[in-house]
Amino acid sequence: MEAVWRPYGGLMEAVWRLYGGLVEALWRPYGGRIEALWRLYGGRIEALWRLYGGLVEALWRPYGGRIEALWRLYGGRIEAL
């Protein structure tokens, strides 16, 4: 973990200083609900990921960049609908 933290730790801390308050402010009203939903469905989500996560990742590799590029182009229009 230390090897991962060394190059990015300062960046992650800077990002948290900028956006941490916003994250905490958004978490306050919804955090309890999110945690309750996770307690109900988290095990099922993790089980599904164990079964299908490799497939999702394998499909994402060749097409992920294209999907992200299309989202950058058309995502705003889709959200506007």
N, C-alpha and C. Protein backbone atom coordinates (compact mmCIF):
# COMPACT_ATOMS: atom_id res chain seq x y z
N MET A 1 0.84 -1.20 0.00
CA MET A 1 0.00 0.00 0.00
C MET A 1 0.88 1.25 0.00
N GLU A 2 1.96 1.17 0.71
CA GLU A 2 2.86 2.33 0.78
C GLU A 2 3.37 2.72 -0.60
N ALA A 3 3.64 1.72 -1.45
CA ALA A 3 4.13 2.00 -2.80
C ALA A 3 3.07 2.74 -3.63
N VAL A 4 1.83 2.45 -3.40
CA VAL A 4 0.75 3.14 -4.11
C VAL A 4 0.56 4.54 -3.55
N TRP A 5 0.67 4.67 -2.24
CA TRP A 5 0.43 5.96 -1.59
C TRP A 5 1.49 6.98 -1.94
N ARG A 6 2.75 6.54 -2.02
CA ARG A 6 3.84 7.49 -2.22
C ARG A 6 3.63 8.43 -3.41
N PRO A 7 3.38 7.92 -4.62
CA PRO A 7 3.25 8.86 -5.75
C PRO A 7 1.94 9.66 -5.75
N TYR A 8 0.87 9.10 -5.17
CA TYR A 8 -0.45 9.74 -5.29
C TYR A 8 -1.00 10.29 -3.99
N GLY A 9 -0.35 10.01 -2.89
CA GLY A 9 -0.87 10.44 -1.59
C GLY A 9 -1.07 11.93 -1.48
N GLY A 10 -0.09 12.70 -1.91
CA GLY A 10 -0.22 14.15 -1.84
C GLY A 10 -1.35 14.66 -2.71
N LEU A 11 -1.49 14.08 -3.88
CA LEU A 11 -2.57 14.47 -4.78
C LEU A 11 -3.93 14.15 -4.16
N MET A 12 -4.04 12.94 -3.58
CA MET A 12 -5.32 12.55 -2.96
C MET A 12 -5.65 13.46 -1.78
N GLU A 13 -4.65 13.83 -1.01
CA GLU A 13 -4.90 14.75 0.11
C GLU A 13 -5.34 16.12 -0.38
N ALA A 14 -4.72 16.59 -1.46
CA ALA A 14 -5.10 17.90 -2.01
C ALA A 14 -6.54 17.87 -2.53
N VAL A 15 -6.89 16.80 -3.22
CA VAL A 15 -8.26 16.67 -3.73
C VAL A 15 -9.25 16.62 -2.57
N TRP A 16 -8.88 15.89 -1.49
CA TRP A 16 -9.78 15.82 -0.33
C TRP A 16 -9.94 17.19 0.31
N ARG A 17 -8.85 17.97 0.38
CA ARG A 17 -8.95 19.31 0.96
C ARG A 17 -9.92 20.17 0.14
N LEU A 18 -9.90 19.99 -1.18
CA LEU A 18 -10.79 20.78 -2.04
C LEU A 18 -12.24 20.31 -1.95
N TYR A 19 -12.45 19.00 -2.00
CA TYR A 19 -13.80 18.47 -2.16
C TYR A 19 -14.33 17.71 -0.95
N GLY A 20 -13.51 17.49 0.06
CA GLY A 20 -13.93 16.71 1.22
C GLY A 20 -15.13 17.28 1.93
N GLY A 21 -15.18 18.59 2.08
CA GLY A 21 -16.32 19.21 2.73
C GLY A 21 -17.61 18.98 1.96
N LEU A 22 -17.52 19.05 0.63
CA LEU A 22 -18.69 18.80 -0.21
C LEU A 22 -19.15 17.35 -0.06
N VAL A 23 -18.19 16.43 -0.08
CA VAL A 23 -18.53 15.01 0.08
C VAL A 23 -19.22 14.79 1.43
N GLU A 24 -18.66 15.35 2.47
CA GLU A 24 -19.25 15.19 3.80
C GLU A 24 -20.63 15.83 3.89
N ALA A 25 -20.80 16.99 3.26
CA ALA A 25 -22.10 17.65 3.28
C ALA A 25 -23.15 16.83 2.54
N LEU A 26 -22.76 16.20 1.44
CA LEU A 26 -23.69 15.35 0.70
C LEU A 26 -23.96 14.05 1.44
N TRP A 27 -22.96 13.58 2.18
CA TRP A 27 -23.11 12.31 2.90
C TRP A 27 -24.08 12.43 4.07
N ARG A 28 -24.07 13.59 4.75
CA ARG A 28 -24.90 13.75 5.96
C ARG A 28 -26.36 13.36 5.74
N PRO A 29 -27.04 13.93 4.74
CA PRO A 29 -28.47 13.59 4.62
C PRO A 29 -28.73 12.18 4.06
N TYR A 30 -27.78 11.64 3.29
CA TYR A 30 -28.05 10.37 2.59
C TYR A 30 -27.21 9.20 3.08
N GLY A 31 -26.21 9.45 3.88
CA GLY A 31 -25.30 8.39 4.30
C GLY A 31 -25.97 7.24 5.01
N GLY A 32 -26.88 7.53 5.90
CA GLY A 32 -27.58 6.46 6.62
C GLY A 32 -28.38 5.58 5.68
N ARG A 33 -29.03 6.20 4.70
CA ARG A 33 -29.82 5.44 3.73
C ARG A 33 -28.93 4.56 2.87
N ILE A 34 -27.80 5.14 2.44
CA ILE A 34 -26.86 4.38 1.61
C ILE A 34 -26.33 3.18 2.40
N GLU A 35 -25.97 3.40 3.66
CA GLU A 35 -25.47 2.30 4.48
C GLU A 35 -26.54 1.24 4.71
N ALA A 36 -27.79 1.65 4.91
CA ALA A 36 -28.88 0.69 5.10
C ALA A 36 -29.09 -0.14 3.84
N LEU A 37 -29.07 0.53 2.68
CA LEU A 37 -29.22 -0.20 1.42
C LEU A 37 -28.06 -1.17 1.20
N TRP A 38 -26.85 -0.73 1.58
CA TRP A 38 -25.70 -1.62 1.41
C TRP A 38 -25.84 -2.84 2.31
N ARG A 39 -26.34 -2.63 3.55
CA ARG A 39 -26.54 -3.78 4.44
C ARG A 39 -27.53 -4.77 3.83
N LEU A 40 -28.57 -4.24 3.17
CA LEU A 40 -29.58 -5.12 2.55
C LEU A 40 -29.07 -5.82 1.30
N TYR A 41 -28.39 -5.05 0.43
CA TYR A 41 -28.07 -5.57 -0.91
C TYR A 41 -26.59 -5.75 -1.18
N GLY A 42 -25.73 -5.32 -0.29
CA GLY A 42 -24.29 -5.36 -0.54
C GLY A 42 -23.77 -6.76 -0.79
N GLY A 43 -24.22 -7.72 -0.03
CA GLY A 43 -23.78 -9.10 -0.23
C GLY A 43 -24.14 -9.62 -1.60
N ARG A 44 -25.35 -9.29 -2.05
CA ARG A 44 -25.79 -9.73 -3.38
C ARG A 44 -24.96 -9.05 -4.48
N ILE A 45 -24.69 -7.77 -4.30
CA ILE A 45 -23.90 -7.03 -5.29
C ILE A 45 -22.50 -7.64 -5.38
N GLU A 46 -21.90 -7.92 -4.23
CA GLU A 46 -20.56 -8.51 -4.23
C GLU A 46 -20.57 -9.90 -4.86
N ALA A 47 -21.60 -10.69 -4.60
CA ALA A 47 -21.69 -12.02 -5.19
C ALA A 47 -21.82 -11.94 -6.71
N LEU A 48 -22.66 -11.00 -7.19
CA LEU A 48 -22.80 -10.81 -8.63
C LEU A 48 -21.48 -10.35 -9.25
N TRP A 49 -20.77 -9.48 -8.56
CA TRP A 49 -19.50 -9.00 -9.08
C TRP A 49 -18.49 -10.14 -9.18
N ARG A 50 -18.49 -11.03 -8.16
CA ARG A 50 -17.59 -12.17 -8.21
C ARG A 50 -17.90 -13.04 -9.43
N LEU A 51 -19.19 -13.20 -9.74
CA LEU A 51 -19.58 -14.03 -10.88
C LEU A 51 -19.30 -13.36 -12.21
N TYR A 52 -19.66 -12.07 -12.33
CA TYR A 52 -19.65 -11.41 -13.64
C TYR A 52 -18.63 -10.29 -13.78
N GLY A 53 -17.92 -9.96 -12.71
CA GLY A 53 -16.97 -8.84 -12.78
C GLY A 53 -15.89 -9.03 -13.81
N GLY A 54 -15.36 -10.24 -13.90
CA GLY A 54 -14.32 -10.51 -14.90
C GLY A 54 -14.84 -10.29 -16.31
N LEU A 55 -16.07 -10.70 -16.56
CA LEU A 55 -16.68 -10.51 -17.87
C LEU A 55 -16.86 -9.02 -18.17
N VAL A 56 -17.34 -8.29 -17.19
CA VAL A 56 -17.53 -6.84 -17.37
C VAL A 56 -16.19 -6.17 -17.68
N GLU A 57 -15.16 -6.52 -16.93
CA GLU A 57 -13.84 -5.93 -17.16
C GLU A 57 -13.28 -6.32 -18.52
N ALA A 58 -13.49 -7.59 -18.93
CA ALA A 58 -13.00 -8.04 -20.23
C ALA A 58 -13.70 -7.29 -21.37
N LEU A 59 -15.00 -7.04 -21.22
CA LEU A 59 -15.72 -6.28 -22.23
C LEU A 59 -15.35 -4.81 -22.23
N TRP A 60 -15.01 -4.28 -21.04
CA TRP A 60 -14.68 -2.86 -20.93
C TRP A 60 -13.35 -2.55 -21.61
N ARG A 61 -12.38 -3.48 -21.51
CA ARG A 61 -11.04 -3.18 -22.04
C ARG A 61 -11.06 -2.71 -23.48
N PRO A 62 -11.65 -3.47 -24.42
CA PRO A 62 -11.59 -3.00 -25.81
C PRO A 62 -12.51 -1.82 -26.12
N TYR A 63 -13.59 -1.66 -25.36
CA TYR A 63 -14.59 -0.65 -25.73
C TYR A 63 -14.70 0.52 -24.76
N GLY A 64 -14.06 0.43 -23.62
CA GLY A 64 -14.21 1.46 -22.60
C GLY A 64 -13.83 2.85 -23.06
N GLY A 65 -12.72 2.96 -23.75
CA GLY A 65 -12.28 4.27 -24.24
C GLY A 65 -13.28 4.88 -25.20
N ARG A 66 -13.84 4.05 -26.07
CA ARG A 66 -14.84 4.53 -27.03
C ARG A 66 -16.10 4.99 -26.31
N ILE A 67 -16.52 4.21 -25.33
CA ILE A 67 -17.73 4.57 -24.57
C ILE A 67 -17.52 5.91 -23.86
N GLU A 68 -16.34 6.07 -23.24
CA GLU A 68 -16.06 7.33 -22.54
C GLU A 68 -16.00 8.50 -23.52
N ALA A 69 -15.43 8.29 -24.71
CA ALA A 69 -15.37 9.36 -25.70
C ALA A 69 -16.77 9.75 -26.17
N LEU A 70 -17.61 8.73 -26.40
CA LEU A 70 -18.99 9.02 -26.81
C LEU A 70 -19.74 9.75 -25.71
N TRP A 71 -19.49 9.36 -24.45
CA TRP A 71 -20.17 10.05 -23.34
C TRP A 71 -19.74 11.50 -23.27
N ARG A 72 -18.44 11.77 -23.51
CA ARG A 72 -17.98 13.16 -23.49
C ARG A 72 -18.69 13.97 -24.57
N LEU A 73 -18.90 13.35 -25.74
CA LEU A 73 -19.55 14.06 -26.84
C LEU A 73 -21.05 14.25 -26.61
N TYR A 74 -21.73 13.18 -26.17
CA TYR A 74 -23.19 13.17 -26.15
C TYR A 74 -23.82 13.10 -24.77
N GLY A 75 -23.01 12.95 -23.74
CA GLY A 75 -23.55 12.77 -22.39
C GLY A 75 -24.42 13.93 -21.93
N GLY A 76 -24.01 15.14 -22.23
CA GLY A 76 -24.80 16.31 -21.83
C GLY A 76 -26.18 16.30 -22.47
N ARG A 77 -26.23 15.91 -23.74
CA ARG A 77 -27.52 15.86 -24.44
C ARG A 77 -28.41 14.77 -23.86
N ILE A 78 -27.81 13.63 -23.54
CA ILE A 78 -28.57 12.52 -22.97
C ILE A 78 -29.15 12.93 -21.62
N GLU A 79 -28.32 13.57 -20.77
CA GLU A 79 -28.79 14.01 -19.47
C GLU A 79 -29.88 15.07 -19.59
N ALA A 80 -29.81 15.90 -20.63
CA ALA A 80 -30.80 16.95 -20.83
C ALA A 80 -32.17 16.37 -21.16
N LEU A 81 -32.17 15.18 -21.76
CA LEU A 81 -33.46 14.54 -22.10
C LEU A 81 -34.14 14.13 -20.83
